[in-house]
C-alpha atoms as a PDB file:
ATOM      1  CA  MET A   1      -0.009   0.179   0.098  1.00  0.00           C
ATOM      2  CA  ILE A   2       2.759   2.839   0.785  1.00  0.00           C
ATOM      3  CA  VAL A   3       4.716   1.068  -2.051  1.00  0.00           C
ATOM      4  CA  ASP A   4       1.628   2.004  -4.591  1.00  0.00           C
ATOM      5  CA  VAL A   5       1.273   5.490  -2.855  1.00  0.00           C
ATOM      6  CA  ARG A   6       4.643   6.307  -2.942  1.00  0.00           C
ATOM      7  CA  GLU A   7       5.009   5.332  -6.890  1.00  0.00           C
ATOM      8  CA  GLY A   8       1.281   6.786  -7.458  1.00  0.00           C
ATOM      9  CA  LYS A   9       3.747  10.318  -6.338  1.00  0.00           C
ATOM     10  CA  ARG A  10       6.675   9.407  -8.327  1.00  0.00           C
ATOM     11  CA  MET A  11       4.109   8.585 -11.407  1.00  0.00           C
ATOM     12  CA  THR A  12       2.370  12.116 -10.636  1.00  0.00           C
ATOM     13  CA  THR A  13       6.404  14.064 -10.383  1.00  0.00           C
ATOM     14  CA  LYS A  14       6.688  12.759 -13.884  1.00  0.00           C
ATOM     15  CA  ASN A  15       3.628  13.654 -15.440  1.00  0.00           C
ATOM     16  CA  ARG A  16       4.429  16.289 -14.616  1.00  0.00           C
ATOM     17  CA  LYS A  17       7.896  17.125 -15.805  1.00  0.00           C
ATOM     18  CA  GLU A  18       6.920  15.449 -18.747  1.00  0.00           C
ATOM     19  CA  ASN A  19       3.724  18.179 -19.614  1.00  0.00           C
ATOM     20  CA  ASN A  20       6.605  21.264 -18.725  1.00  0.00           C
ATOM     21  CA  LYS A  21       7.948  21.754 -21.831  1.00  0.00           C
ATOM     22  CA  GLY A  22       8.271  25.620 -22.073  1.00  0.00           C
ATOM     23  CA  PHE A  23       7.438  27.363 -25.271  1.00  0.00           C
ATOM     24  CA  SER A  24       6.849  25.610 -28.584  1.00  0.00           C
ATOM     25  CA  LEU A  25       8.307  27.298 -31.542  1.00  0.00           C
ATOM     26  CA  VAL A  26       5.670  28.172 -32.709  1.00  0.00           C
ATOM     27  CA  GLU A  27       3.871  29.834 -29.358  1.00  0.00           C
ATOM     28  CA  LEU A  28       7.870  31.966 -29.331  1.00  0.00           C
ATOM     29  CA  LEU A  29       7.489  32.846 -33.280  1.00  0.00           C
ATOM     30  CA  ILE A  30       3.711  34.078 -32.154  1.00  0.00           C
ATOM     31  CA  VAL A  31       5.038  36.344 -29.483  1.00  0.00           C
ATOM     32  CA  ILE A  32       7.704  37.732 -31.207  1.00  0.00           C
ATOM     33  CA  ALA A  33       5.654  38.669 -34.130  1.00  0.00           C
ATOM     34  CA  ILE A  34       2.942  40.945 -31.287  1.00  0.00           C
ATOM     35  CA  ILE A  35       6.106  42.610 -30.110  1.00  0.00           C
ATOM     36  CA  ALA A  36       7.575  43.143 -33.375  1.00  0.00           C
ATOM     37  CA  ILE A  37       3.805  44.772 -34.355  1.00  0.00           C
ATOM     38  CA  LEU A  38       3.357  46.798 -31.238  1.00  0.00           C
ATOM     39  CA  SER A  39       7.292  47.758 -32.148  1.00  0.00           C
ATOM     40  CA  ALA A  40       5.866  48.956 -35.334  1.00  0.00           C
ATOM     41  CA  ALA A  41       2.743  51.445 -33.784  1.00  0.00           C
ATOM     42  CA  ILE A  42       4.461  52.425 -30.858  1.00  0.00           C
ATOM     43  CA  ALA A  43       7.583  53.664 -32.556  1.00  0.00           C
ATOM     44  CA  PRO A  44       6.729  56.504 -34.664  1.00  0.00           C
ATOM     45  CA  MET A  45       4.183  57.844 -31.795  1.00  0.00           C
ATOM     46  CA  LEU A  46       7.338  58.295 -29.345  1.00  0.00           C
ATOM     47  CA  ILE A  47       9.813  59.660 -32.108  1.00  0.00           C
ATOM     48  CA  ARG A  48       6.776  62.112 -32.463  1.00  0.00           C
ATOM     49  CA  TYR A  49       5.571  63.123 -29.112  1.00  0.00           C
ATOM     50  CA  ILE A  50      10.354  63.276 -28.696  1.00  0.00           C
ATOM     51  CA  ASP A  51      10.528  65.320 -31.341  1.00  0.00           C
ATOM     52  CA  LYS A  52       6.847  67.743 -30.254  1.00  0.00           C
ATOM     53  CA  ALA A  53       9.052  67.804 -26.676  1.00  0.00           C
ATOM     54  CA  ARG A  54      12.276  69.417 -28.539  1.00  0.00           C
ATOM     55  CA  LYS A  55      10.507  71.601 -30.408  1.00  0.00           C
ATOM     56  CA  GLN A  56       8.294  73.487 -27.505  1.00  0.00           C
ATOM     57  CA  LYS A  57      11.904  73.128 -26.219  1.00  0.00           C
ATOM     58  CA  ASP A  58      12.587  75.861 -29.265  1.00  0.00           C
ATOM     59  CA  VAL A  59       9.651  78.156 -28.709  1.00  0.00           C
ATOM     60  CA  ALA A  60      10.764  78.373 -24.904  1.00  0.00           C
ATOM     61  CA  ALA A  61      14.662  79.530 -26.595  1.00  0.00           C
ATOM     62  CA  ALA A  62      12.344  82.041 -28.959  1.00  0.00           C
ATOM     63  CA  GLU A  63      10.369  83.438 -26.340  1.00  0.00           C
ATOM     64  CA  THR A  64      13.332  84.287 -24.012  1.00  0.00           C
ATOM     65  CA  ILE A  65      15.788  86.137 -27.634  1.00  0.00           C
ATOM     66  CA  TYR A  66      12.010  88.126 -27.763  1.00  0.00           C
ATOM     67  CA  HIS A  67      11.794  88.859 -24.560  1.00  0.00           C
ATOM     68  CA  ALA A  68      15.568  89.407 -24.111  1.00  0.00           C
ATOM     69  CA  ALA A  69      15.100  92.162 -27.282  1.00  0.00           C
ATOM     70  CA  ASP A  70      11.890  93.803 -25.534  1.00  0.00           C
ATOM     71  CA  VAL A  71      13.503  94.126 -22.855  1.00  0.00           C
ATOM     72  CA  THR A  72      16.742  95.949 -24.600  1.00  0.00           C
ATOM     73  CA  LEU A  73      14.548  98.763 -26.423  1.00  0.00           C
ATOM     74  CA  ALA A  74      12.507  99.212 -23.066  1.00  0.00           C
ATOM     75  CA  THR A  75      16.121 100.348 -21.345  1.00  0.00           C
ATOM     76  CA  ALA A  76      18.079 101.438 -24.291  1.00  0.00           C
ATOM     77  CA  ASP A  77      19.244 105.213 -25.203  1.00  0.00           C
ATOM     78  CA  SER A  78      17.797 107.034 -27.757  1.00  0.00           C
ATOM     79  CA  SER A  79      21.318 105.586 -30.931  1.00  0.00           C
ATOM     80  CA  VAL A  80      19.411 102.299 -29.939  1.00  0.00           C
ATOM     81  CA  LEU A  81      15.625 103.305 -30.024  1.00  0.00           C
ATOM     82  CA  GLY A  82      16.716 104.769 -33.141  1.00  0.00           C
ATOM     83  CA  ALA A  83      17.858 102.459 -34.705  1.00  0.00           C
ATOM     84  CA  TRP A  84      15.020 100.587 -33.848  1.00  0.00           C
ATOM     85  CA  GLU A  85      12.539 102.718 -35.379  1.00  0.00           C
ATOM     86  CA  ASN A  86      14.137 103.644 -38.736  1.00  0.00           C
ATOM     87  CA  SER A  87      15.166 101.934 -41.517  1.00  0.00           C
ATOM     88  CA  SER A  88      18.892 100.890 -41.710  1.00  0.00           C
ATOM     89  CA  GLY A  89      18.200 101.330 -45.253  1.00  0.00           C
ATOM     90  CA  ASN A  90      19.127  97.096 -46.090  1.00  0.00           C
ATOM     91  CA  ALA A  91      16.873  95.421 -47.984  1.00  0.00           C
ATOM     92  CA  LEU A  92      13.980  94.138 -46.673  1.00  0.00           C
ATOM     93  CA  TYR A  93      13.052  90.208 -46.329  1.00  0.00           C
ATOM     94  CA  ASP A  94      10.005  89.051 -47.553  1.00  0.00           C
ATOM     95  CA  LEU A  95       8.359  86.679 -44.970  1.00  0.00           C
ATOM     96  CA  GLU A  96       5.365  84.684 -44.635  1.00  0.00           C
ATOM     97  CA  ALA A  97       4.244  82.890 -41.787  1.00  0.00           C
ATOM     98  CA  ASN A  98       0.783  81.048 -40.501  1.00  0.00           C
ATOM     99  CA  GLY A  99      -0.868  82.683 -44.505  1.00  0.00           C
ATOM    100  CA  GLU A 100       0.140  85.581 -43.750  1.00  0.00           C
ATOM    101  CA  LYS A 101       3.215  87.504 -45.620  1.00  0.00           C
ATOM    102  CA  TYR A 102       4.253  90.711 -45.207  1.00  0.00           C
ATOM    103  CA  LYS A 103       8.360  92.830 -44.946  1.00  0.00           C
ATOM    104  CA  GLY A 104      10.696  92.693 -42.161  1.00  0.00           C
ATOM    105  CA  GLU A 105      13.973  94.082 -41.524  1.00  0.00           C
ATOM    106  CA  PHE A 106      16.474  91.479 -40.408  1.00  0.00           C
ATOM    107  CA  LEU A 107      18.287  93.129 -37.240  1.00  0.00           C
ATOM    108  CA  ALA A 108      20.538  90.632 -35.168  1.00  0.00           C
ATOM    109  CA  TRP A 109      21.561  86.616 -36.060  1.00  0.00           C
ATOM    110  CA  ALA A 110      24.022  83.864 -34.110  1.00  0.00           C
ATOM    111  CA  ARG A 111      24.205  79.593 -34.378  1.00  0.00           C
ATOM    112  CA  GLY A 112      22.106  77.671 -33.507  1.00  0.00           C
ATOM    113  CA  GLN A 113      23.435  74.697 -34.520  1.00  0.00           C
ATOM    114  CA  PHE A 114      26.380  74.280 -36.521  1.00  0.00           C
ATOM    115  CA  ILE A 115      29.112  76.441 -34.723  1.00  0.00           C
ATOM    116  CA  TYR A 116      31.809  76.971 -37.431  1.00  0.00           C
ATOM    117  CA  HIS A 117      33.851  79.935 -35.344  1.00  0.00           C
ATOM    118  CA  ASP A 118      33.858  81.057 -31.707  1.00  0.00           C
ATOM    119  CA  GLU A 119      32.283  83.991 -32.711  1.00  0.00           C
ATOM    120  CA  ASN A 120      28.983  82.869 -34.456  1.00  0.00           C
ATOM    121  CA  TYR A 121      28.638  82.014 -30.737  1.00  0.00           C
ATOM    122  CA  GLU A 122      27.024  85.074 -30.157  1.00  0.00           C
ATOM    123  CA  PHE A 123      24.391  87.671 -31.893  1.00  0.00           C
ATOM    124  CA  LYS A 124      25.714  89.711 -33.822  1.00  0.00           C
ATOM    125  CA  ASN A 125      24.890  92.280 -36.840  1.00  0.00           C
ATOM    126  CA  ALA A 126      23.164  91.496 -39.611  1.00  0.00           C
ATOM    127  CA  TRP A 127      24.595  93.799 -42.041  1.00  0.00           C
ATOM    128  CA  ASN A 128      27.999  94.912 -40.963  1.00  0.00           C
ATOM    129  CA  ASN A 129      27.816  98.610 -42.429  1.00  0.00           C
ATOM    130  CA  ALA A 130      24.653  99.449 -40.208  1.00  0.00           C
ATOM    131  CA  GLN A 131      26.474 100.783 -37.527  1.00  0.00           C
ATOM    132  CA  ALA A 132      23.188 101.425 -35.081  1.00  0.00           C
ATOM    133  CA  GLN A 133      22.333  98.364 -34.982  1.00  0.00           C
ATOM    134  CA  TRP A 134      25.516  97.481 -33.709  1.00  0.00           C
ATOM    135  CA  ASN A 135      24.447  99.810 -30.666  1.00  0.00           C
ATOM    136  CA  PHE A 136      21.504  97.354 -30.460  1.00  0.00           C
ATOM    137  CA  VAL A 137      23.055  93.972 -30.736  1.00  0.00           C
ATOM    138  CA  GLU A 138      25.747  95.189 -27.550  1.00  0.00           C
ATOM    139  CA  GLU A 139      22.671  96.103 -25.527  1.00  0.00           C
ATOM    140  CA  PHE A 140      20.764  93.241 -26.500  1.00  0.00           C
ATOM    141  CA  ASN A 141      23.411  90.349 -25.755  1.00  0.00           C
ATOM    142  CA  PRO A 142      24.091  91.176 -21.702  1.00  0.00           C
ATOM    143  CA  TYR A 143      20.395  90.044 -21.335  1.00  0.00           C
ATOM    144  CA  ILE A 144      20.437  86.621 -23.140  1.00  0.00           C
ATOM    145  CA  ASN A 145      23.793  86.306 -21.306  1.00  0.00           C
ATOM    146  CA  GLN A 146      21.812  86.726 -18.301  1.00  0.00           C
ATOM    147  CA  HIS A 147      19.190  84.295 -19.128  1.00  0.00           C
ATOM    148  CA  GLU A 148      21.892  81.664 -20.004  1.00  0.00           C
ATOM    149  CA  LYS A 149      22.584  82.229 -16.349  1.00  0.00           C
ATOM    150  CA  ALA A 150      19.295  81.094 -15.391  1.00  0.00           C
ATOM    151  CA  SER A 151      20.006  77.684 -17.055  1.00  0.00           C
ATOM    152  CA  THR A 152      17.787  78.511 -20.239  1.00  0.00           C
ATOM    153  CA  PHE A 153      20.687  78.233 -22.555  1.00  0.00           C
ATOM    154  CA  ASN A 154      23.514  75.417 -22.742  1.00  0.00           C
ATOM    155  CA  LYS A 155      26.368  76.499 -20.805  1.00  0.00           C
ATOM    156  CA  SER A 156      29.429  77.520 -22.962  1.00  0.00           C
ATOM    157  CA  ASN A 157      32.696  79.297 -21.340  1.00  0.00           C
ATOM    158  CA  LYS A 158      32.858  80.587 -25.437  1.00  0.00           C
ATOM    159  CA  GLY A 159      29.540  82.387 -25.164  1.00  0.00           C
ATOM    160  CA  ASN A 160      26.259  82.387 -25.102  1.00  0.00           C
ATOM    161  CA  ALA A 161      25.597  80.168 -27.764  1.00  0.00           C
ATOM    162  CA  VAL A 162      21.566  79.221 -28.068  1.00  0.00           C
ATOM    163  CA  HIS A 163      21.368  75.671 -29.200  1.00  0.00           C
ATOM    164  CA  PHE A 164      18.677  74.053 -31.691  1.00  0.00           C
ATOM    165  CA  SER A 165      17.285  71.228 -29.640  1.00  0.00           C
ATOM    166  CA  TYR A 166      15.415  70.098 -32.696  1.00  0.00           C
ATOM    167  CA  LYS A 167      17.772  69.625 -35.500  1.00  0.00           C
ATOM    168  CA  LYS A 168      15.614  68.477 -38.338  1.00  0.00           C
ATOM    169  CA  THR A 169      13.492  71.830 -39.734  1.00  0.00           C
ATOM    170  CA  LYS A 170      14.279  71.895 -43.988  1.00  0.00           C
ATOM    171  CA  ASP A 171      13.825  75.000 -45.278  1.00  0.00           C
ATOM    172  CA  PRO A 172      10.122  74.450 -46.709  1.00  0.00           C
ATOM    173  CA  LYS A 173      10.528  76.744 -49.826  1.00  0.00           C
ATOM    174  CA  LYS A 174      13.125  73.590 -50.478  1.00  0.00           C
ATOM    175  CA  ARG A 175      16.416  76.331 -51.680  1.00  0.00           C
ATOM    176  CA  TYR A 176      18.150  74.451 -49.726  1.00  0.00           C
ATOM    177  CA  LYS A 177      18.823  71.177 -48.429  1.00  0.00           C
ATOM    178  CA  GLN A 178      20.789  71.734 -45.266  1.00  0.00           C
ATOM    179  CA  TYR A 179      18.791  71.936 -41.669  1.00  0.00           C
ATOM    180  CA  ALA A 180      18.277  74.963 -40.050  1.00  0.00           C
ATOM    181  CA  ASP A 181      21.270  76.321 -38.179  1.00  0.00           C
ATOM    182  CA  CYS A 182      20.507  80.072 -37.018  1.00  0.00           C
ATOM    183  CA  TRP A 183      18.659  82.375 -34.935  1.00  0.00           C
ATOM    184  CA  MET A 184      17.234  85.370 -36.334  1.00  0.00           C
ATOM    185  CA  ILE A 185      16.165  88.429 -35.620  1.00  0.00           C
ATOM    186  CA  PHE A 186      13.118  90.206 -37.790  1.00  0.00           C
ATOM    187  CA  ARG A 187      11.664  93.926 -37.094  1.00  0.00           C
ATOM    188  CA  ARG A 188       8.478  93.838 -38.488  1.00  0.00           C
ATOM    189  CA  GLU A 189       7.852  96.873 -40.854  1.00  0.00           C
ATOM    190  CA  ASP A 190       4.031  97.004 -40.392  1.00  0.00           C
ATOM    191  CA  THR A 191       3.959  97.386 -36.210  1.00  0.00           C
ATOM    192  CA  GLN A 192       7.939  97.946 -35.406  1.00  0.00           C
ATOM    193  CA  THR A 193       7.502  94.610 -33.173  1.00  0.00           C
ATOM    194  CA  VAL A 194      10.324  92.163 -32.781  1.00  0.00           C
ATOM    195  CA  GLU A 195       9.650  87.978 -34.414  1.00  0.00           C
ATOM    196  CA  VAL A 196      12.230  84.843 -33.878  1.00  0.00           C
ATOM    197  CA  TRP A 197      13.025  83.094 -36.969  1.00  0.00           C
ATOM    198  CA  ILE A 198      15.194  80.004 -37.465  1.00  0.00           C
ATOM    199  CA  GLY A 199      17.553  79.947 -41.037  1.00  0.00           C
ATOM    200  CA  TYR A 200      20.412  78.533 -42.792  1.00  0.00           C
ATOM    201  CA  LYS A 201      23.027  80.544 -43.774  1.00  0.00           C
ATOM    202  CA  PRO A 202      24.946  79.409 -46.656  1.00  0.00           C
ATOM    203  CA  ASP A 203      28.335  80.108 -47.329  1.00  0.00           C
ATOM    204  CA  GLY A 204      29.445  83.197 -48.246  1.00  0.00           C
ATOM    205  CA  LYS A 205      25.521  84.415 -48.663  1.00  0.00           C
ATOM    206  CA  ILE A 206      23.032  86.053 -45.766  1.00  0.00           C
ATOM    207  CA  VAL A 207      21.177  83.989 -43.740  1.00  0.00           C
ATOM    208  CA  THR A 208      17.972  82.825 -45.141  1.00  0.00           C
ATOM    209  CA  PRO A 209      15.105  82.634 -43.102  1.00  0.00           C
ATOM    210  CA  TYR A 210      13.572  79.101 -42.390  1.00  0.00           C
ATOM    211  CA  TYR A 211      10.153  79.407 -40.276  1.00  0.00           C
ATOM    212  CA  ARG A 212       8.803  82.190 -37.169  1.00  0.00           C
ATOM    213  CA  ILE A 213       9.776  80.493 -33.493  1.00  0.00           C
ATOM    214  CA  TYR A 214       7.878  83.262 -31.504  1.00  0.00           C
ATOM    215  CA  PRO A 215       6.214  84.689 -31.440  1.00  0.00           C
ATOM    216  CA  ASP A 216       2.663  83.217 -33.089  1.00  0.00           C
ATOM    217  CA  THR A 217       4.803  79.610 -34.192  1.00  0.00           C
ATOM    218  CA  ASP A 218       4.445  78.726 -37.767  1.00  0.00           C
ATOM    219  CA  LYS A 219       2.256  76.190 -37.293  1.00  0.00           C
ATOM    220  CA  ARG A 220       3.882  74.157 -40.396  1.00  0.00           C
ATOM    221  CA  TRP A 221       7.069  73.987 -38.323  1.00  0.00           C
ATOM    222  CA  LEU A 222       5.026  72.584 -35.452  1.00  0.00           C
ATOM    223  CA  LYS A 223       4.025  69.747 -37.017  1.00  0.00           C
END
């Protein structure tokens, strides 16, 4: 009787071992297929979320540039205000954002992505022959430095580089294959207000605007 019970236990353990063979090849293939399908569905959503977060970070940086320019005008002396209020005589840019077309005067710029020379870390005059605009830039840069110390911008020993977080923005008019690499400060001709754009500077040519980042960010860029 005892032997029978023990044998019964032995048989039970043996049966369990025989039944516990793990996953079959078909089952493993099914699991792998499910994981692949989920990855294919989730990955694009995750990439879009990351890109959107980076673009919003760039909007925040552009807003800081915008307010720094506003503060400059509020505290500047008459020579700087005169430079802002009067045309420098340089050609105006044809700008377009959110379906609106208008003209703007390009006042200052800085590298935002590709740093070729040390001096490209800081904002500089858009036109080397317009001294009045240099007055504006010289007043403007200290305010950017103040914001940099507040950790708005990436730290740099060489200057206050304002780097882009989103690095895939291409020319909407397809004039250049290169990604945007510059911040641009414009003064609207009709309202005399500040605008911050991103653009690209081809070698030996003037900076070309791509999209308005602040205020009223261009919806084409946010897509």
